[in-house]
Amino acid sequence: MAYLFLLLSIMSELLGTSMIKASAGFTKPLPAVGGIASFIVSLFFLSLSLKVIPLNMAYAIWSGAGTAATVLISVLLWKEKISVGSVLGIVLIIAGVVVLNFFGSGHGHAAETADNSTIVQ
């Protein structure tokens, strides 16, 4: 369930980012409010995922997936250009997320949740 919450958090963050872009510098109220609301929803679901997923892994996945998907959205929806450097950067971000998931500090050890119960990972 924690990974579902993380996925919902990422999706809400992506919607919020697109709404902020559509708000044209907060000059269009409806997209601006939608963006702010989406970020609140995103942080809510991120907080739920952190009850189980270690912070370093959750944030790496959240930010890495969000960055990669935002680039795709910017190209497909907003018709922005992407450079070779941008593609390389995204590949490195994804590689970092993979490394953290396989070798991160929460991997293979017991982790404590917010209510101080122990989860073996």
C-alpha atoms as a PDB file:
ATOM      1  CA  MET A   1       0.000   0.000   0.000  1.00  0.00           C
ATOM      2  CA  ALA A   2       2.894   2.358   0.732  1.00  0.00           C
ATOM      3  CA  TYR A   3       4.078   2.182  -2.870  1.00  0.00           C
ATOM      4  CA  LEU A   4       0.552   2.952  -4.071  1.00  0.00           C
ATOM      5  CA  PHE A   5       0.600   6.063  -1.860  1.00  0.00           C
ATOM      6  CA  LEU A   6       3.996   6.976  -3.328  1.00  0.00           C
ATOM      7  CA  LEU A   7       2.631   6.553  -6.865  1.00  0.00           C
ATOM      8  CA  LEU A   8      -0.375   8.755  -6.028  1.00  0.00           C
ATOM      9  CA  SER A   9       2.017  11.320  -4.579  1.00  0.00           C
ATOM     10  CA  ILE A  10       4.098  11.344  -7.764  1.00  0.00           C
ATOM     11  CA  MET A  11       1.023  11.647  -9.966  1.00  0.00           C
ATOM     12  CA  SER A  12      -0.323  14.531  -7.858  1.00  0.00           C
ATOM     13  CA  GLU A  13       3.033  16.284  -8.007  1.00  0.00           C
ATOM     14  CA  LEU A  14       3.091  15.932 -11.802  1.00  0.00           C
ATOM     15  CA  LEU A  15      -0.410  17.389 -12.054  1.00  0.00           C
ATOM     16  CA  GLY A  16       0.592  20.230  -9.733  1.00  0.00           C
ATOM     17  CA  THR A  17       3.676  21.047 -11.775  1.00  0.00           C
ATOM     18  CA  SER A  18       1.646  21.146 -14.991  1.00  0.00           C
ATOM     19  CA  MET A  19      -0.976  23.343 -13.340  1.00  0.00           C
ATOM     20  CA  ILE A  20       1.706  25.765 -12.121  1.00  0.00           C
ATOM     21  CA  LYS A  21       3.029  25.960 -15.701  1.00  0.00           C
ATOM     22  CA  ALA A  22      -0.526  26.572 -16.954  1.00  0.00           C
ATOM     23  CA  SER A  23      -1.019  29.315 -14.365  1.00  0.00           C
ATOM     24  CA  ALA A  24       1.417  31.539 -16.314  1.00  0.00           C
ATOM     25  CA  GLY A  25       3.217  32.831 -13.241  1.00  0.00           C
ATOM     26  CA  PHE A  26       0.098  32.674 -11.042  1.00  0.00           C
ATOM     27  CA  THR A  27      -1.765  35.070 -13.336  1.00  0.00           C
ATOM     28  CA  LYS A  28      -4.500  32.504 -14.025  1.00  0.00           C
ATOM     29  CA  PRO A  29      -6.278  31.719 -10.747  1.00  0.00           C
ATOM     30  CA  LEU A  30      -7.847  28.338 -11.567  1.00  0.00           C
ATOM     31  CA  PRO A  31      -4.632  26.569 -12.608  1.00  0.00           C
ATOM     32  CA  ALA A  32      -2.767  28.246  -9.731  1.00  0.00           C
ATOM     33  CA  VAL A  33      -5.258  26.940  -7.152  1.00  0.00           C
ATOM     34  CA  GLY A  34      -5.235  23.539  -8.869  1.00  0.00           C
ATOM     35  CA  GLY A  35      -1.451  23.450  -8.663  1.00  0.00           C
ATOM     36  CA  ILE A  36      -1.366  24.331  -4.984  1.00  0.00           C
ATOM     37  CA  ALA A  37      -4.090  21.781  -4.194  1.00  0.00           C
ATOM     38  CA  SER A  38      -2.234  19.096  -6.159  1.00  0.00           C
ATOM     39  CA  PHE A  39       0.968  19.753  -4.219  1.00  0.00           C
ATOM     40  CA  ILE A  40      -0.919  19.460  -0.919  1.00  0.00           C
ATOM     41  CA  VAL A  41      -2.393  16.122  -2.053  1.00  0.00           C
ATOM     42  CA  SER A  42       1.076  15.016  -3.177  1.00  0.00           C
ATOM     43  CA  LEU A  43       2.645  15.789   0.186  1.00  0.00           C
ATOM     44  CA  PHE A  44      -0.224  14.049   1.986  1.00  0.00           C
ATOM     45  CA  PHE A  45       0.316  10.810   0.043  1.00  0.00           C
ATOM     46  CA  LEU A  46       4.093  11.126   0.395  1.00  0.00           C
ATOM     47  CA  SER A  47       3.675  11.358   4.161  1.00  0.00           C
ATOM     48  CA  LEU A  48       1.545   8.200   4.158  1.00  0.00           C
ATOM     49  CA  SER A  49       4.160   6.313   2.144  1.00  0.00           C
ATOM     50  CA  LEU A  50       6.855   7.362   4.641  1.00  0.00           C
ATOM     51  CA  LYS A  51       5.164   5.306   7.353  1.00  0.00           C
ATOM     52  CA  VAL A  52       6.690   2.235   5.669  1.00  0.00           C
ATOM     53  CA  ILE A  53       9.217   3.283   3.016  1.00  0.00           C
ATOM     54  CA  PRO A  54      12.514   4.746   4.310  1.00  0.00           C
ATOM     55  CA  LEU A  55      12.816   8.464   3.631  1.00  0.00           C
ATOM     56  CA  ASN A  56      15.930   8.195   1.442  1.00  0.00           C
ATOM     57  CA  MET A  57      14.313   5.608  -0.833  1.00  0.00           C
ATOM     58  CA  ALA A  58      10.901   7.277  -0.993  1.00  0.00           C
ATOM     59  CA  TYR A  59      12.322  10.686  -1.779  1.00  0.00           C
ATOM     60  CA  ALA A  60      14.727   9.291  -4.383  1.00  0.00           C
ATOM     61  CA  ILE A  61      11.862   7.515  -6.138  1.00  0.00           C
ATOM     62  CA  TRP A  62       9.524  10.501  -5.764  1.00  0.00           C
ATOM     63  CA  SER A  63      11.982  13.065  -7.066  1.00  0.00           C
ATOM     64  CA  GLY A  64      13.561  10.828  -9.708  1.00  0.00           C
ATOM     65  CA  ALA A  65      10.300   9.598 -11.190  1.00  0.00           C
ATOM     66  CA  GLY A  66       8.850  13.099 -10.929  1.00  0.00           C
ATOM     67  CA  THR A  67      11.816  14.626 -12.730  1.00  0.00           C
ATOM     68  CA  ALA A  68      11.814  12.055 -15.519  1.00  0.00           C
ATOM     69  CA  ALA A  69       8.053  12.253 -16.016  1.00  0.00           C
ATOM     70  CA  THR A  70       8.115  16.065 -15.901  1.00  0.00           C
ATOM     71  CA  VAL A  71      10.597  16.109 -18.758  1.00  0.00           C
ATOM     72  CA  LEU A  72       8.307  13.855 -20.797  1.00  0.00           C
ATOM     73  CA  ILE A  73       5.312  16.044 -19.988  1.00  0.00           C
ATOM     74  CA  SER A  74       7.233  19.204 -20.896  1.00  0.00           C
ATOM     75  CA  VAL A  75       8.142  17.734 -24.291  1.00  0.00           C
ATOM     76  CA  LEU A  76       4.797  16.116 -25.102  1.00  0.00           C
ATOM     77  CA  LEU A  77       2.345  18.597 -23.591  1.00  0.00           C
ATOM     78  CA  TRP A  78       4.201  21.901 -23.556  1.00  0.00           C
ATOM     79  CA  LYS A  79       6.268  21.273 -26.731  1.00  0.00           C
ATOM     80  CA  GLU A  80       9.526  22.200 -25.001  1.00  0.00           C
ATOM     81  CA  LYS A  81      12.868  21.075 -26.402  1.00  0.00           C
ATOM     82  CA  ILE A  82      15.102  18.525 -24.680  1.00  0.00           C
ATOM     83  CA  SER A  83      18.889  18.371 -24.984  1.00  0.00           C
ATOM     84  CA  VAL A  84      21.332  15.484 -24.888  1.00  0.00           C
ATOM     85  CA  GLY A  85      22.485  16.798 -21.518  1.00  0.00           C
ATOM     86  CA  SER A  86      18.926  16.606 -20.193  1.00  0.00           C
ATOM     87  CA  VAL A  87      18.593  12.999 -21.334  1.00  0.00           C
ATOM     88  CA  LEU A  88      21.942  12.122 -19.725  1.00  0.00           C
ATOM     89  CA  GLY A  89      20.881  13.813 -16.498  1.00  0.00           C
ATOM     90  CA  ILE A  90      17.645  11.841 -16.371  1.00  0.00           C
ATOM     91  CA  VAL A  91      19.499   8.580 -17.013  1.00  0.00           C
ATOM     92  CA  LEU A  92      21.825   9.415 -14.108  1.00  0.00           C
ATOM     93  CA  ILE A  93      18.862  10.234 -11.845  1.00  0.00           C
ATOM     94  CA  ILE A  94      17.230   6.902 -12.662  1.00  0.00           C
ATOM     95  CA  ALA A  95      20.557   5.121 -12.063  1.00  0.00           C
ATOM     96  CA  GLY A  96      20.797   6.835  -8.679  1.00  0.00           C
ATOM     97  CA  VAL A  97      17.295   5.702  -7.729  1.00  0.00           C
ATOM     98  CA  VAL A  98      18.174   2.125  -8.703  1.00  0.00           C
ATOM     99  CA  VAL A  99      21.404   2.231  -6.657  1.00  0.00           C
ATOM    100  CA  LEU A 100      19.563   3.613  -3.616  1.00  0.00           C
ATOM    101  CA  ASN A 101      16.921   0.907  -3.881  1.00  0.00           C
ATOM    102  CA  PHE A 102      19.493  -1.885  -4.067  1.00  0.00           C
ATOM    103  CA  PHE A 103      22.140  -0.562  -1.699  1.00  0.00           C
ATOM    104  CA  GLY A 104      20.547   2.298   0.279  1.00  0.00           C
ATOM    105  CA  SER A 105      20.762   2.556   4.037  1.00  0.00           C
ATOM    106  CA  GLY A 106      17.248   1.150   4.507  1.00  0.00           C
ATOM    107  CA  HIS A 107      17.961  -1.953   2.423  1.00  0.00           C
ATOM    108  CA  GLY A 108      18.143  -5.228   4.301  1.00  0.00           C
ATOM    109  CA  HIS A 109      17.933  -3.697   7.761  1.00  0.00           C
ATOM    110  CA  ALA A 110      15.139  -3.223  10.235  1.00  0.00           C
ATOM    111  CA  ALA A 111      13.617   0.217   9.971  1.00  0.00           C
ATOM    112  CA  GLU A 112      11.484   2.025  12.486  1.00  0.00           C
ATOM    113  CA  THR A 113       8.203   3.585  11.459  1.00  0.00           C
ATOM    114  CA  ALA A 114       6.684   6.767  12.819  1.00  0.00           C
ATOM    115  CA  ASP A 115       4.924   4.794  15.563  1.00  0.00           C
ATOM    116  CA  ASN A 116       8.275   3.178  16.579  1.00  0.00           C
ATOM    117  CA  SER A 117       7.281  -0.286  15.378  1.00  0.00           C
ATOM    118  CA  THR A 118       9.969  -2.211  13.518  1.00  0.00           C
ATOM    119  CA  ILE A 119       9.664  -3.364   9.940  1.00  0.00           C
ATOM    120  CA  VAL A 120      12.110  -5.864   8.487  1.00  0.00           C
ATOM    121  CA  GLN A 121      12.885  -4.998   4.909  1.00  0.00           C
END
